[in-house]
Protein backbone atom coordinates (compact mmCIF):
# COMPACT_ATOMS: atom_id res chain seq x y z
CA UNK A 1 38.68 -14.61 -19.77
CA UNK A 2 36.87 -11.70 -21.32
CA UNK A 3 39.14 -8.81 -21.79
CA UNK A 4 36.48 -5.93 -21.97
CA UNK A 5 35.59 -7.59 -18.00
CA UNK A 6 36.67 -5.09 -15.08
CA UNK A 7 37.69 -7.17 -12.14
CA UNK A 8 37.34 -4.91 -9.06
CA UNK A 9 39.95 -6.60 -6.35
CA UNK A 10 39.45 -6.18 -2.04
CA UNK A 11 40.80 -3.44 -1.33
CA UNK A 12 39.76 -0.97 2.26
CA UNK A 13 36.39 0.62 0.10
CA UNK A 14 35.22 -3.14 -0.47
CA UNK A 15 35.72 -4.09 2.78
CA UNK A 16 34.18 -1.04 4.75
CA UNK A 17 31.36 -1.37 2.28
CA UNK A 18 31.39 -5.23 3.27
CA UNK A 19 30.88 -4.96 6.74
CA UNK A 20 28.24 -1.96 6.31
CA UNK A 21 26.25 -4.74 4.93
CA UNK A 22 26.74 -7.45 7.32
CA UNK A 23 26.09 -4.79 10.36
CA UNK A 24 22.71 -3.63 8.61
CA UNK A 25 21.63 -7.44 8.32
CA UNK A 26 22.75 -8.47 11.65
CA UNK A 27 21.06 -5.36 13.22
CA UNK A 28 18.06 -6.20 10.83
CA UNK A 29 17.94 -9.87 12.54
CA UNK A 30 18.15 -8.18 16.18
CA UNK A 31 21.92 -10.14 16.86
CA UNK A 32 24.20 -8.61 18.51
CA UNK A 33 28.16 -8.54 17.89
CA UNK A 34 28.32 -10.98 20.46
CA UNK A 35 25.95 -13.36 19.21
CA UNK A 36 27.88 -13.15 15.95
CA UNK A 37 30.86 -13.76 17.12
CA UNK A 38 29.80 -16.75 19.15
CA UNK A 39 28.76 -18.21 15.56
CA UNK A 40 32.23 -17.54 13.67
CA UNK A 41 34.28 -17.93 16.56
CA UNK A 42 35.87 -14.96 17.09
CA UNK A 43 35.65 -12.04 19.45
CA UNK A 44 33.00 -8.98 19.81
CA UNK A 45 35.65 -7.05 18.99
CA UNK A 46 36.49 -8.74 15.38
CA UNK A 47 33.31 -8.44 14.51
CA UNK A 48 33.48 -5.22 15.08
CA UNK A 49 36.75 -4.99 12.80
CA UNK A 50 34.79 -6.76 10.43
CA UNK A 51 32.03 -4.35 10.43
CA UNK A 52 34.24 -1.04 10.07
CA UNK A 53 36.54 -2.61 7.09
CA UNK A 54 39.47 -2.82 9.20
CA UNK A 55 39.44 -6.40 9.10
CA UNK A 56 38.35 -9.30 6.35
CA UNK A 57 35.92 -11.99 6.25
CA UNK A 58 37.49 -15.76 5.67
CA UNK A 59 35.02 -18.22 3.15
CA UNK A 60 34.37 -19.76 5.67
CA UNK A 61 32.58 -16.60 8.02
CA UNK A 62 30.72 -15.78 4.71
CA UNK A 63 29.18 -18.99 4.87
CA UNK A 64 27.90 -19.23 8.31
CA UNK A 65 27.11 -15.56 8.32
CA UNK A 66 24.60 -15.90 5.06
CA UNK A 67 22.75 -18.49 6.75
CA UNK A 68 22.38 -16.73 10.41
CA UNK A 69 21.87 -13.63 8.77
CA UNK A 70 19.36 -15.01 6.30
CA UNK A 71 20.82 -13.22 2.81
CA UNK A 72 22.48 -14.01 0.22
CA UNK A 73 26.59 -14.35 -0.60
CA UNK A 74 25.84 -12.10 -3.36
CA UNK A 75 24.38 -9.56 -1.11
CA UNK A 76 27.30 -9.67 1.42
CA UNK A 77 29.77 -9.42 -1.16
CA UNK A 78 28.57 -7.53 -3.88
CA UNK A 79 25.55 -5.66 -2.33
CA UNK A 80 22.73 -7.50 -5.07
CA UNK A 81 19.54 -8.10 -3.28
CA UNK A 82 18.03 -10.85 -4.80
CA UNK A 83 14.31 -11.06 -5.71
CA UNK A 84 12.54 -14.53 -6.15
CA UNK A 85 9.94 -14.02 -9.67
CA UNK A 86 6.96 -15.71 -8.57
CA UNK A 87 4.11 -16.07 -10.79
CA UNK A 88 0.63 -14.96 -9.25
CA UNK A 89 -0.22 -19.01 -9.53
CA UNK A 90 2.98 -19.52 -7.58
CA UNK A 91 2.04 -17.28 -4.67
CA UNK A 92 -1.09 -18.78 -4.64
CA UNK A 93 0.75 -22.33 -4.26
CA UNK A 94 2.82 -20.74 -1.65
CA UNK A 95 -0.21 -19.26 0.48
CA UNK A 96 -2.00 -22.18 0.30
CA UNK A 97 0.79 -24.75 1.60
CA UNK A 98 1.94 -22.30 4.16
CA UNK A 99 -1.58 -21.87 5.35
CA UNK A 100 -1.93 -26.23 5.46
CA UNK A 101 0.74 -25.73 8.10
CA UNK A 102 -0.92 -23.04 10.32
């Protein structure tokens, strides 16, 4: 392990930041806390506790949330939004594929 690497541990601030990202992604997708709770098999109150940093997400919750909220685990955990780097030719091919299914 690299000795110069600072490893951050989960604390209340990290939990709060992560919860806020979950809430932001949930709202962007137009989902309620009850919707999320149904997918995670937890109560709406527990969803609220996660979003407010008072409860931790399990790995299973994160796995489901990335699919449900259409975001990466990097975003939920660290706030890193991955941006695809497509060339203009790739974008043109993607658009042609999309148009062929319309």
